[in-house]
C-alpha atoms as a PDB file:
ATOM      1  CA  MET A   1     125.533  -0.054-104.026  1.00  0.00           C
ATOM      2  CA  PRO A   2     128.328  -2.527-105.518  1.00  0.00           C
ATOM      3  CA  THR A   3     131.465  -2.040-105.992  1.00  0.00           C
ATOM      4  CA  PRO A   4     133.747  -1.753-108.911  1.00  0.00           C
ATOM      5  CA  GLU A   5     134.841  -5.021-108.356  1.00  0.00           C
ATOM      6  CA  GLN A   6     131.114  -7.343-107.917  1.00  0.00           C
ATOM      7  CA  ARG A   7     129.922  -5.040-111.594  1.00  0.00           C
ATOM      8  CA  LEU A   8     133.185  -5.625-112.770  1.00  0.00           C
ATOM      9  CA  GLN A   9     132.583  -9.828-111.843  1.00  0.00           C
ATOM     10  CA  LEU A  10     128.640 -10.294-112.946  1.00  0.00           C
ATOM     11  CA  ILE A  11     129.335  -8.610-116.584  1.00  0.00           C
ATOM     12  CA  GLU A  12     131.756 -11.453-116.546  1.00  0.00           C
ATOM     13  CA  ASP A  13     129.539 -13.439-114.946  1.00  0.00           C
ATOM     14  CA  ARG A  14     127.397 -13.094-117.899  1.00  0.00           C
ATOM     15  CA  PHE A  15     129.663 -13.261-120.443  1.00  0.00           C
ATOM     16  CA  ALA A  16     131.090 -16.731-119.120  1.00  0.00           C
ATOM     17  CA  ILE A  17     127.119 -18.144-119.317  1.00  0.00           C
ATOM     18  CA  LEU A  18     125.975 -16.177-122.834  1.00  0.00           C
ATOM     19  CA  ASP A  19     129.805 -18.539-124.121  1.00  0.00           C
ATOM     20  CA  LEU A  20     128.114 -21.651-122.557  1.00  0.00           C
ATOM     21  CA  GLU A  21     124.649 -21.202-123.564  1.00  0.00           C
ATOM     22  CA  ALA A  22     126.331 -20.878-127.284  1.00  0.00           C
ATOM     23  CA  ARG A  23     128.851 -23.672-126.624  1.00  0.00           C
ATOM     24  CA  TYR A  24     125.670 -25.497-126.014  1.00  0.00           C
ATOM     25  CA  ALA A  25     124.001 -25.111-129.300  1.00  0.00           C
ATOM     26  CA  GLU A  26     127.381 -25.301-131.185  1.00  0.00           C
ATOM     27  CA  ALA A  27     128.563 -28.965-129.592  1.00  0.00           C
ATOM     28  CA  TRP A  28     124.616 -30.617-130.420  1.00  0.00           C
ATOM     29  CA  ASP A  29     124.695 -28.739-133.685  1.00  0.00           C
ATOM     30  CA  LEU A  30     128.124 -30.074-134.862  1.00  0.00           C
ATOM     31  CA  GLY A  31     127.318 -33.081-133.263  1.00  0.00           C
ATOM     32  CA  GLU A  32     129.649 -32.952-130.147  1.00  0.00           C
ATOM     33  CA  PRO A  33     127.771 -35.240-128.462  1.00  0.00           C
ATOM     34  CA  ALA A  34     130.870 -35.438-125.401  1.00  0.00           C
ATOM     35  CA  ASP A  35     131.290 -31.471-125.209  1.00  0.00           C
ATOM     36  CA  TRP A  36     127.602 -31.060-125.612  1.00  0.00           C
ATOM     37  CA  ALA A  37     127.835 -32.867-121.905  1.00  0.00           C
ATOM     38  CA  ALA A  38     130.718 -31.070-120.415  1.00  0.00           C
ATOM     39  CA  VAL A  39     128.287 -27.564-119.956  1.00  0.00           C
ATOM     40  CA  PHE A  40     126.034 -29.636-118.058  1.00  0.00           C
ATOM     41  CA  THR A  41     127.775 -30.856-114.358  1.00  0.00           C
ATOM     42  CA  PRO A  42     129.168 -34.151-113.929  1.00  0.00           C
ATOM     43  CA  ASP A  43     125.807 -34.770-112.292  1.00  0.00           C
ATOM     44  CA  GLY A  44     123.855 -32.283-115.082  1.00  0.00           C
ATOM     45  CA  ILE A  45     119.661 -32.725-115.039  1.00  0.00           C
ATOM     46  CA  PHE A  46     118.985 -32.102-119.327  1.00  0.00           C
ATOM     47  CA  GLU A  47     114.790 -32.315-119.379  1.00  0.00           C
ATOM     48  CA  MET A  48     112.082 -31.758-121.986  1.00  0.00           C
ATOM     49  CA  LEU A  49     108.523 -32.292-121.110  1.00  0.00           C
ATOM     50  CA  SER A  50     106.497 -33.588-123.439  1.00  0.00           C
ATOM     51  CA  VAL A  51     104.390 -32.522-126.189  1.00  0.00           C
ATOM     52  CA  GLY A  52     101.963 -34.112-128.115  1.00  0.00           C
ATOM     53  CA  HIS A  53     103.049 -37.309-129.217  1.00  0.00           C
ATOM     54  CA  THR A  54     106.515 -37.516-127.355  1.00  0.00           C
ATOM     55  CA  PRO A  55     106.904 -38.381-124.482  1.00  0.00           C
ATOM     56  CA  ALA A  56     108.385 -36.344-120.986  1.00  0.00           C
ATOM     57  CA  THR A  57     112.280 -37.185-120.760  1.00  0.00           C
ATOM     58  CA  ARG A  58     115.034 -37.247-117.775  1.00  0.00           C
ATOM     59  CA  ILE A  59     118.600 -37.270-118.540  1.00  0.00           C
ATOM     60  CA  ALA A  60     121.022 -37.043-115.874  1.00  0.00           C
ATOM     61  CA  GLY A  61     124.508 -37.597-115.466  1.00  0.00           C
ATOM     62  CA  SER A  62     127.562 -36.576-118.029  1.00  0.00           C
ATOM     63  CA  GLU A  63     127.449 -40.436-119.132  1.00  0.00           C
ATOM     64  CA  ALA A  64     123.311 -40.148-119.726  1.00  0.00           C
ATOM     65  CA  LEU A  65     124.335 -36.499-121.774  1.00  0.00           C
ATOM     66  CA  THR A  66     126.538 -38.158-123.376  1.00  0.00           C
ATOM     67  CA  GLY A  67     124.917 -41.089-124.661  1.00  0.00           C
ATOM     68  CA  PHE A  68     121.536 -39.558-125.268  1.00  0.00           C
ATOM     69  CA  CYS A  69     122.822 -36.759-127.696  1.00  0.00           C
ATOM     70  CA  ALA A  70     125.067 -39.352-129.387  1.00  0.00           C
ATOM     71  CA  HIS A  71     121.725 -40.726-130.262  1.00  0.00           C
ATOM     72  CA  ILE A  72     119.523 -38.204-130.741  1.00  0.00           C
ATOM     73  CA  ARG A  73     122.385 -37.171-133.407  1.00  0.00           C
ATOM     74  CA  GLN A  74     121.992 -41.031-135.740  1.00  0.00           C
ATOM     75  CA  GLU A  75     118.643 -39.749-136.749  1.00  0.00           C
ATOM     76  CA  TRP A  76     119.154 -35.433-136.388  1.00  0.00           C
ATOM     77  CA  SER A  77     120.321 -32.994-136.975  1.00  0.00           C
ATOM     78  CA  GLY A  78     119.627 -29.009-137.215  1.00  0.00           C
ATOM     79  CA  LEU A  79     120.171 -25.874-136.046  1.00  0.00           C
ATOM     80  CA  HIS A  80     118.858 -23.969-133.336  1.00  0.00           C
ATOM     81  CA  PHE A  81     118.142 -20.260-132.917  1.00  0.00           C
ATOM     82  CA  MET A  82     118.558 -19.087-129.424  1.00  0.00           C
ATOM     83  CA  HIS A  83     117.207 -15.500-127.752  1.00  0.00           C
ATOM     84  CA  PRO A  84     119.103 -13.704-126.183  1.00  0.00           C
ATOM     85  CA  PRO A  85     117.983 -15.065-122.293  1.00  0.00           C
ATOM     86  CA  ARG A  86     116.868 -13.085-119.580  1.00  0.00           C
ATOM     87  CA  LEU A  87     119.360 -13.815-116.611  1.00  0.00           C
ATOM     88  CA  THR A  88     119.423 -13.877-113.157  1.00  0.00           C
ATOM     89  CA  LEU A  89     122.501 -14.494-111.307  1.00  0.00           C
ATOM     90  CA  LYS A  90     123.124 -14.905-107.737  1.00  0.00           C
ATOM     91  CA  GLY A  91     126.537 -15.681-106.492  1.00  0.00           C
ATOM     92  CA  ASP A  92     127.326 -18.741-108.138  1.00  0.00           C
ATOM     93  CA  GLU A  93     123.763 -19.388-109.215  1.00  0.00           C
ATOM     94  CA  ALA A  94     122.270 -18.344-111.902  1.00  0.00           C
ATOM     95  CA  GLU A  95     119.301 -18.350-114.043  1.00  0.00           C
ATOM     96  CA  SER A  96     117.759 -18.227-117.043  1.00  0.00           C
ATOM     97  CA  VAL A  97     114.349 -17.866-119.158  1.00  0.00           C
ATOM     98  CA  ILE A  98     116.263 -18.499-123.228  1.00  0.00           C
ATOM     99  CA  PHE A  99     113.569 -18.980-125.852  1.00  0.00           C
ATOM    100  CA  PHE A 100     114.674 -21.181-129.007  1.00  0.00           C
ATOM    101  CA  GLU A 101     114.086 -22.120-132.392  1.00  0.00           C
ATOM    102  CA  PHE A 102     115.379 -25.293-133.799  1.00  0.00           C
ATOM    103  CA  ARG A 103     115.273 -26.519-137.211  1.00  0.00           C
ATOM    104  CA  HIS A 104     115.431 -29.910-137.811  1.00  0.00           C
ATOM    105  CA  VAL A 105     115.443 -32.283-140.363  1.00  0.00           C
ATOM    106  CA  MET A 106     115.895 -36.830-139.333  1.00  0.00           C
ATOM    107  CA  LYS A 107     116.074 -40.097-141.630  1.00  0.00           C
ATOM    108  CA  ALA A 108     111.637 -41.228-141.953  1.00  0.00           C
ATOM    109  CA  GLY A 109     113.041 -44.512-143.324  1.00  0.00           C
ATOM    110  CA  ALA A 110     115.019 -45.818-145.641  1.00  0.00           C
ATOM    111  CA  ALA A 111     113.616 -43.837-148.555  1.00  0.00           C
ATOM    112  CA  HIS A 112     112.542 -40.077-147.150  1.00  0.00           C
ATOM    113  CA  THR A 113     113.536 -37.325-144.939  1.00  0.00           C
ATOM    114  CA  ARG A 114     111.048 -35.615-142.440  1.00  0.00           C
ATOM    115  CA  GLN A 115     112.332 -31.788-142.379  1.00  0.00           C
ATOM    116  CA  GLY A 116     110.937 -29.951-139.300  1.00  0.00           C
ATOM    117  CA  VAL A 117     110.953 -26.981-136.735  1.00  0.00           C
ATOM    118  CA  THR A 118     110.303 -27.300-133.225  1.00  0.00           C
ATOM    119  CA  GLY A 119     109.787 -23.895-130.796  1.00  0.00           C
ATOM    120  CA  GLY A 120     109.532 -22.669-126.894  1.00  0.00           C
ATOM    121  CA  HIS A 121     112.050 -22.404-124.177  1.00  0.00           C
ATOM    122  CA  TYR A 122     114.540 -23.075-121.625  1.00  0.00           C
ATOM    123  CA  HIS A 123     114.339 -22.219-118.181  1.00  0.00           C
ATOM    124  CA  THR A 124     117.604 -23.352-116.900  1.00  0.00           C
ATOM    125  CA  ARG A 125     119.579 -23.831-113.025  1.00  0.00           C
ATOM    126  CA  TYR A 126     124.044 -22.798-112.488  1.00  0.00           C
ATOM    127  CA  VAL A 127     126.277 -22.827-110.624  1.00  0.00           C
ATOM    128  CA  ARG A 128     129.550 -21.955-110.557  1.00  0.00           C
ATOM    129  CA  THR A 129     132.793 -24.355-110.821  1.00  0.00           C
ATOM    130  CA  ALA A 130     136.650 -25.837-110.896  1.00  0.00           C
ATOM    131  CA  ALA A 131     135.539 -25.451-113.758  1.00  0.00           C
ATOM    132  CA  GLY A 132     133.585 -22.126-114.612  1.00  0.00           C
ATOM    133  CA  TRP A 133     129.990 -22.328-114.635  1.00  0.00           C
ATOM    134  CA  ARG A 134     127.993 -25.329-116.056  1.00  0.00           C
ATOM    135  CA  MET A 135     124.541 -25.652-116.604  1.00  0.00           C
ATOM    136  CA  GLN A 136     123.238 -27.593-113.045  1.00  0.00           C
ATOM    137  CA  HIS A 137     119.711 -28.665-115.066  1.00  0.00           C
ATOM    138  CA  ARG A 138     117.527 -27.398-117.968  1.00  0.00           C
ATOM    139  CA  VAL A 139     113.881 -27.981-118.553  1.00  0.00           C
ATOM    140  CA  GLU A 140     112.636 -27.736-122.410  1.00  0.00           C
ATOM    141  CA  LYS A 141     109.554 -27.145-122.940  1.00  0.00           C
ATOM    142  CA  ALA A 142     107.909 -27.178-126.424  1.00  0.00           C
ATOM    143  CA  VAL A 143     105.335 -24.896-127.510  1.00  0.00           C
ATOM    144  CA  PHE A 144     104.626 -25.759-131.384  1.00  0.00           C
ATOM    145  CA  GLU A 145     106.053 -28.705-133.837  1.00  0.00           C
ATOM    146  CA  ASN A 146     105.991 -28.758-137.450  1.00  0.00           C
ATOM    147  CA  LEU A 147     107.285 -32.188-138.358  1.00  0.00           C
ATOM    148  CA  ALA A 148     104.430 -31.814-141.847  1.00  0.00           C
ATOM    149  CA  THR A 149     107.032 -31.508-144.674  1.00  0.00           C
ATOM    150  CA  TYR A 150     108.803 -35.271-146.403  1.00  0.00           C
ATOM    151  CA  TYR A 151     111.064 -35.186-148.946  1.00  0.00           C
ATOM    152  CA  ALA A 152     112.712 -37.838-151.169  1.00  0.00           C
ATOM    153  CA  ASN A 153     115.848 -39.183-150.531  1.00  0.00           C
END
């Protein structure tokens, strides 16, 4: 049976990871590429598995993660709606599964904007670092995507 101190540490770790997840969505949605990359370890990895006509993408390292976010934000903006994670903590490592919906708009040529929604799940590995909990590897699996709504600018 865990001691009261161990139980308190587990609670603190769980809340720290929940805060990290909130920062992930906040930094992306508010267009803060360096802050988004900072939720990952310096060698962290973000992967998006292929869906429909969208090929798989793998980005590794702080510089590449920052550049990826900055590039996407030139054309896309949106909001993450994330469900509470199923979180497994084991010492200085953790894993989660989080279901999400991302509602977004993007440029579709000079005269139109495309609105869409993507839903799926993240599988994430976290590690405790000197700076606190960070994502080591996140894999995004989109389950559905609707990009069919267009409107004039």
